[in-house]
Protein backbone atom coordinates (compact mmCIF):
# COMPACT_ATOMS: atom_id res chain seq x y z
CA MET A 1 -91.57 -165.50 -96.28
CA THR A 2 -90.57 -168.98 -97.32
CA ALA A 3 -87.12 -170.06 -98.35
CA LEU A 4 -86.84 -170.81 -102.05
CA ALA A 5 -85.84 -174.39 -101.35
CA SER A 6 -89.26 -175.14 -99.85
CA ILE A 7 -91.31 -173.60 -102.70
CA PRO A 8 -92.17 -176.07 -105.49
CA ASP A 9 -90.44 -175.17 -108.74
CA PRO A 10 -93.20 -174.30 -111.28
CA SER A 11 -91.08 -175.70 -114.12
CA PRO A 12 -88.92 -178.53 -112.75
CA SER A 13 -85.67 -179.20 -114.56
CA PRO A 14 -82.44 -181.06 -113.85
CA ARG A 15 -80.95 -177.74 -112.69
CA SER A 16 -83.70 -177.10 -110.16
CA ARG A 17 -81.79 -178.15 -107.09
CA ASP A 18 -81.68 -176.39 -103.75
CA ALA A 19 -80.85 -172.77 -104.68
CA ARG A 20 -79.21 -172.14 -101.33
CA SER A 21 -76.67 -174.91 -101.84
CA VAL A 22 -76.17 -173.81 -105.44
CA HIS A 23 -75.19 -170.29 -104.40
CA ARG A 24 -73.21 -171.49 -101.41
CA SER A 25 -71.09 -173.75 -103.61
CA VAL A 26 -70.47 -170.86 -106.01
CA HIS A 27 -69.44 -168.61 -103.15
CA GLU A 28 -67.07 -171.16 -101.68
CA ALA A 29 -65.51 -171.77 -105.07
CA GLY A 30 -64.76 -168.07 -105.35
CA HIS A 31 -66.61 -167.47 -108.63
CA THR A 32 -67.55 -163.81 -108.85
CA ASP A 33 -68.08 -163.29 -112.57
CA VAL A 34 -71.53 -161.93 -113.37
CA TYR A 35 -73.26 -163.63 -116.29
CA THR A 36 -74.63 -161.19 -118.81
CA ASP A 37 -76.33 -161.67 -122.14
CA GLY A 38 -75.49 -158.47 -123.93
CA HIS A 39 -75.52 -155.81 -121.23
CA SER A 40 -74.11 -155.07 -117.81
CA ASP A 41 -73.69 -151.62 -116.33
CA GLY A 42 -71.37 -150.05 -113.81
CA HIS A 43 -70.25 -151.50 -110.52
CA SER A 44 -72.07 -152.20 -107.32
CA ASP A 45 -71.09 -150.64 -104.03
CA ASP A 46 -71.97 -153.74 -102.01
CA GLU A 47 -71.32 -157.44 -102.22
CA GLY A 48 -74.23 -159.62 -103.26
CA PRO A 49 -74.44 -163.27 -104.22
CA PRO A 50 -72.12 -164.33 -107.04
CA ALA A 51 -74.04 -165.26 -110.16
CA ARG A 52 -74.14 -168.05 -112.72
CA LEU A 53 -76.57 -168.49 -115.59
CA GLU A 54 -78.07 -171.69 -114.16
CA ASP A 55 -78.76 -169.99 -110.83
CA ASP A 56 -80.31 -166.97 -112.53
CA GLU A 57 -82.55 -169.25 -114.55
CA LEU A 58 -83.64 -171.06 -111.40
CA TYR A 59 -84.67 -167.82 -109.69
CA MET A 60 -86.20 -166.35 -112.84
CA ARG A 61 -88.64 -169.27 -113.00
CA PHE A 62 -90.17 -168.04 -109.77
CA ALA A 63 -90.55 -164.57 -111.25
CA LEU A 64 -92.21 -166.18 -114.26
CA ALA A 65 -94.63 -168.00 -111.95
CA GLU A 66 -95.60 -164.58 -110.57
CA ALA A 67 -96.06 -163.27 -114.11
CA HIS A 68 -98.44 -166.13 -114.88
CA GLU A 69 -100.40 -165.23 -111.74
CA ALA A 70 -100.67 -161.65 -113.02
CA ALA A 71 -102.09 -162.93 -116.32
CA ARG A 72 -104.69 -164.97 -114.47
CA GLU A 73 -105.75 -161.74 -112.73
CA ASP A 74 -105.97 -159.94 -116.10
CA GLU A 75 -102.90 -157.85 -115.32
CA VAL A 76 -99.96 -157.31 -117.65
CA PRO A 77 -97.93 -160.48 -116.97
CA ILE A 78 -94.81 -159.25 -115.22
CA GLY A 79 -93.46 -160.90 -112.09
CA ALA A 80 -90.58 -160.19 -109.73
CA ILE A 81 -88.81 -161.73 -106.77
CA ILE A 82 -86.04 -160.50 -104.48
CA VAL A 83 -83.31 -162.79 -103.22
CA GLY A 84 -81.60 -161.78 -100.00
CA PRO A 85 -77.87 -161.84 -99.27
CA GLY A 86 -76.10 -164.90 -97.82
CA PRO A 87 -75.66 -167.29 -96.29
CA ASP A 88 -79.00 -168.80 -97.39
CA PHE A 89 -79.92 -166.62 -100.40
CA GLU A 90 -83.56 -166.79 -99.42
CA VAL A 91 -86.41 -165.41 -101.50
CA ILE A 92 -87.52 -162.54 -99.27
CA ALA A 93 -90.24 -161.10 -101.53
CA ARG A 94 -92.29 -162.02 -104.57
CA ALA A 95 -94.88 -159.96 -106.44
CA HIS A 96 -96.59 -159.37 -109.76
CA ASN A 97 -98.21 -156.44 -111.55
CA THR A 98 -101.48 -155.23 -110.00
CA PRO A 99 -102.08 -151.69 -111.38
CA ARG A 100 -105.56 -152.54 -112.68
CA GLY A 101 -106.83 -154.39 -109.66
CA ALA A 102 -105.29 -151.96 -107.18
CA CYS A 103 -106.18 -148.86 -109.24
CA ASP A 104 -102.58 -147.85 -108.67
CA PRO A 105 -100.32 -146.97 -111.62
CA THR A 106 -97.24 -147.51 -109.43
CA ALA A 107 -98.17 -151.10 -108.54
CA HIS A 108 -95.52 -152.64 -110.76
CA ALA A 109 -94.06 -156.01 -109.80
CA GLU A 110 -90.65 -154.53 -108.96
CA ILE A 111 -92.10 -151.77 -106.74
CA LEU A 112 -94.34 -154.22 -104.88
CA ALA A 113 -91.45 -156.64 -104.36
CA ILE A 114 -89.26 -153.85 -102.97
CA ARG A 115 -92.05 -152.76 -100.63
CA ALA A 116 -92.53 -156.30 -99.41
CA ALA A 117 -88.81 -156.85 -98.84
CA THR A 118 -88.23 -153.59 -96.98
CA GLY A 119 -91.40 -154.15 -94.98
CA ARG A 120 -90.09 -157.50 -93.90
CA SER A 121 -86.66 -156.18 -92.93
CA GLY A 122 -87.84 -152.91 -91.39
CA TYR A 123 -85.11 -151.05 -93.28
CA GLN A 124 -85.40 -149.01 -96.46
CA ARG A 125 -82.28 -150.41 -98.12
CA LEU A 126 -81.76 -153.85 -99.63
CA ASP A 127 -77.98 -154.08 -99.52
CA GLY A 128 -76.63 -157.24 -101.13
CA CYS A 129 -80.01 -158.28 -102.57
CA THR A 130 -80.82 -159.24 -106.16
CA LEU A 131 -84.13 -158.52 -107.87
CA TYR A 132 -85.33 -160.81 -110.68
CA THR A 133 -88.01 -159.46 -112.99
CA THR A 134 -89.40 -160.97 -116.16
CA VAL A 135 -89.33 -157.68 -118.11
CA GLU A 136 -86.90 -154.77 -118.28
CA PRO A 137 -87.72 -152.26 -115.51
CA CYS A 138 -89.37 -148.99 -116.49
CA PHE A 139 -87.91 -145.61 -115.52
CA MET A 140 -89.86 -145.55 -112.25
CA CYS A 141 -88.77 -149.03 -111.23
CA ALA A 142 -85.15 -148.41 -112.28
CA GLY A 143 -85.02 -145.39 -110.01
CA ALA A 144 -86.49 -147.44 -107.17
CA LEU A 145 -83.75 -150.04 -107.62
CA VAL A 146 -81.12 -147.37 -107.02
CA HIS A 147 -82.95 -145.85 -104.04
CA ALA A 148 -83.30 -149.31 -102.48
CA ARG A 149 -79.55 -149.91 -102.95
CA LEU A 150 -80.06 -153.29 -104.59
CA HIS A 151 -76.90 -155.12 -105.56
CA ARG A 152 -78.13 -156.44 -108.91
CA VAL A 153 -81.17 -156.66 -111.18
CA VAL A 154 -81.74 -159.57 -113.55
CA PHE A 155 -84.44 -159.32 -116.21
CA GLY A 156 -85.78 -161.48 -119.00
CA THR A 157 -86.96 -159.57 -122.05
CA ARG A 158 -86.50 -155.95 -123.07
CA ASP A 159 -89.42 -153.51 -123.13
CA PRO A 160 -89.14 -151.33 -126.27
CA LYS A 161 -92.01 -149.05 -125.18
CA PHE A 162 -91.25 -148.41 -121.51
CA GLY A 163 -87.84 -149.93 -120.71
CA GLY A 164 -85.70 -147.57 -118.67
CA THR A 165 -82.44 -149.48 -118.28
CA VAL A 166 -81.58 -150.44 -121.88
CA SER A 167 -84.35 -149.80 -124.41
CA LEU A 168 -85.35 -146.14 -123.96
CA GLY A 169 -82.88 -145.06 -121.33
CA THR A 170 -79.96 -146.19 -119.21
CA VAL A 171 -81.02 -145.06 -115.75
CA LEU A 172 -78.72 -147.47 -113.94
CA ALA A 173 -75.69 -146.11 -115.81
CA THR A 174 -76.49 -142.44 -115.21
CA GLU A 175 -73.41 -140.43 -114.32
CA GLY A 176 -73.40 -138.99 -110.81
CA LEU A 177 -75.46 -141.69 -109.11
CA ASN A 178 -74.14 -142.53 -105.66
CA HIS A 179 -74.95 -146.22 -106.10
CA ARG A 180 -74.54 -148.58 -109.03
CA VAL A 181 -76.88 -151.50 -109.57
CA LEU A 182 -75.39 -154.33 -111.61
CA GLN A 183 -77.58 -155.46 -114.47
CA THR A 184 -78.03 -158.78 -116.26
CA GLU A 185 -80.45 -159.26 -119.12
CA GLY A 186 -81.73 -162.05 -121.33
CA VAL A 187 -82.41 -164.73 -118.70
CA LEU A 188 -85.32 -166.88 -119.96
CA ALA A 189 -86.13 -163.97 -122.28
CA GLU A 190 -88.09 -166.03 -124.78
CA GLU A 191 -90.44 -167.38 -122.12
CA ALA A 192 -91.10 -163.89 -120.76
CA ARG A 193 -91.58 -162.49 -124.27
CA THR A 194 -93.96 -165.27 -125.28
CA LEU A 195 -96.09 -164.70 -122.19
CA LEU A 196 -96.36 -160.96 -122.90
CA ARG A 197 -97.17 -161.42 -126.57
CA GLY A 198 -99.82 -164.00 -125.82
CA PHE A 199 -101.49 -161.72 -123.29
CA PHE A 200 -101.70 -158.75 -125.64
CA ARG A 201 -102.67 -160.91 -128.61
CA ALA A 202 -105.66 -162.18 -126.63
CA LYS A 203 -106.61 -158.60 -125.75
CA ARG A 204 -106.71 -157.62 -129.42
CA LYS A 205 -109.19 -160.35 -130.36
């Protein structure tokens, strides 16, 4: 995989500086508050990268680039990336929905990103990692986040028909779980929502 710093930002902005130095400066400054736009569940059992809104937006743009790739392949436009723990906070996996092309109903962006990340590491757990996905995870993907022991999930827009972490269920906050995945929602939500609506609007024509 390639470090985030060497991948061209699909939507350059003044904030799009080297993500590794961004997170390193946050860590050294001691900022540990997790940004949340409306919802954050539980506590995490491991230590992942501290979070700021500008950093989450930077990473989410790469998930959005994956979502656009899904749309080009006539798949529901959802993309995901996984950022590894320090010191470099490297993007260790990126994926997008491929259920239609793969004839696999489990080929959701989050599942494929988890598979890619664990395949790279050779270990089934992703301690200290953060997954960014453009849309709220479904029940299947939410369960996979817990099994993979991810530190945090960040998503863009809610999914009122399939969402398993806020909209239709709160899998990540289920009592009795032996691991808590932190959750942040609403990062670049309008961009993710617009992409989804445009895709389905075109399908209805």
